[in-house]
Amino acid sequence: MNDVIEAIKNRRSVRSYDARPVPRDLINKVIEAGNEAPSAMNSQPWRFVIVEDQEAKRKLDRNTHTGRYASCCGISPCGNIT
């Protein structure tokens, strides 16, 4: 448990991204980890979409509240508000 607390206390946000593409096997691992995340009543309401097209990423930048981060990173969180 102390490792978890230490990781939480020492976490940091990164806003500088490398232009190299993210390897597909790493993307798959991140998606697998996301699928394992707990949810209320195990509803798992999330869906994952891999966006590789630069123009589509720029559109995400313009149309998401997080803005300007979608076009530079390989994985970007999105929500479905209904």
Protein backbone atom coordinates (compact mmCIF):
# COMPACT_ATOMS: atom_id res chain seq x y z
CA MET A 1 0.00 0.00 0.00
CA ASN A 2 2.86 2.39 0.71
CA ASP A 3 4.04 1.99 -2.90
CA VAL A 4 0.63 3.16 -4.13
CA ILE A 5 0.61 6.18 -1.81
CA GLU A 6 4.14 7.04 -2.86
CA ALA A 7 3.24 6.78 -6.56
CA ILE A 8 0.23 9.07 -6.04
CA LYS A 9 2.30 11.64 -4.16
CA ASN A 10 5.08 11.65 -6.76
CA ARG A 11 3.01 11.63 -9.93
CA ARG A 12 3.46 14.43 -12.43
CA SER A 13 1.75 15.72 -15.54
CA VAL A 14 3.65 15.83 -18.81
CA ARG A 15 2.74 18.38 -21.47
CA SER A 16 5.70 17.81 -23.76
CA TYR A 17 5.32 14.93 -26.18
CA ASP A 18 7.64 13.13 -28.55
CA ALA A 19 6.53 13.13 -32.21
CA ARG A 20 7.31 9.42 -32.65
CA PRO A 21 4.29 7.16 -33.24
CA VAL A 22 3.18 5.03 -30.31
CA PRO A 23 3.79 1.33 -31.03
CA ARG A 24 0.55 -0.61 -31.52
CA ASP A 25 1.47 -3.20 -28.86
CA LEU A 26 1.84 -0.40 -26.28
CA ILE A 27 -1.52 1.09 -27.29
CA ASN A 28 -3.07 -2.36 -26.88
CA LYS A 29 -1.55 -2.71 -23.40
CA VAL A 30 -2.95 0.66 -22.34
CA ILE A 31 -6.39 -0.28 -23.65
CA GLU A 32 -6.23 -3.63 -21.84
CA ALA A 33 -5.36 -1.80 -18.61
CA GLY A 34 -8.25 0.60 -19.17
CA ASN A 35 -10.62 -2.33 -19.65
CA GLU A 36 -9.57 -3.62 -16.24
CA ALA A 37 -10.37 -0.34 -14.46
CA PRO A 38 -13.15 -0.61 -11.89
CA SER A 39 -16.55 0.90 -12.64
CA ALA A 40 -19.83 1.25 -10.75
CA MET A 41 -21.63 -2.09 -10.76
CA ASN A 42 -19.01 -3.31 -13.26
CA SER A 43 -20.85 -1.39 -15.99
CA GLN A 44 -17.60 -0.54 -17.82
CA PRO A 45 -19.21 2.31 -19.79
CA TRP A 46 -16.07 3.24 -21.73
CA ARG A 47 -15.14 2.75 -25.34
CA PHE A 48 -11.70 3.22 -26.86
CA VAL A 49 -10.94 4.70 -30.26
CA ILE A 50 -7.46 4.87 -31.73
CA VAL A 51 -7.01 8.03 -33.78
CA GLU A 52 -3.89 8.11 -35.93
CA ASP A 53 -4.92 10.61 -38.62
CA GLN A 54 -3.38 14.03 -37.88
CA GLU A 55 -6.32 16.01 -39.26
CA ALA A 56 -8.74 14.03 -37.08
CA LYS A 57 -6.51 14.75 -34.06
CA ARG A 58 -6.57 18.48 -34.87
CA LYS A 59 -10.38 18.34 -34.98
CA LEU A 60 -10.34 16.69 -31.57
CA ASP A 61 -8.15 19.54 -30.34
CA ARG A 62 -10.70 22.09 -31.48
CA ASN A 63 -13.71 20.20 -30.12
CA THR A 64 -12.62 18.92 -26.72
CA HIS A 65 -12.27 20.80 -23.47
CA THR A 66 -8.74 19.45 -22.99
CA GLY A 67 -7.81 20.98 -26.36
CA ARG A 68 -4.34 21.02 -27.91
CA TYR A 69 -3.23 17.67 -26.47
CA ALA A 70 -5.03 15.24 -28.78
CA SER A 71 -2.96 16.08 -31.84
CA CYS A 72 0.37 15.51 -30.12
CA CYS A 73 -0.18 12.28 -28.21
CA GLY A 74 -1.08 8.81 -29.36
CA ILE A 75 -3.71 8.25 -26.69
CA SER A 76 -6.26 10.84 -25.66
CA PRO A 77 -9.10 10.40 -23.17
CA CYS A 78 -12.58 11.14 -24.50
CA GLY A 79 -15.99 10.96 -22.91
CA ASN A 80 -19.48 10.13 -24.08
CA ILE A 81 -21.97 12.44 -22.42
CA THR A 82 -25.57 11.33 -22.78
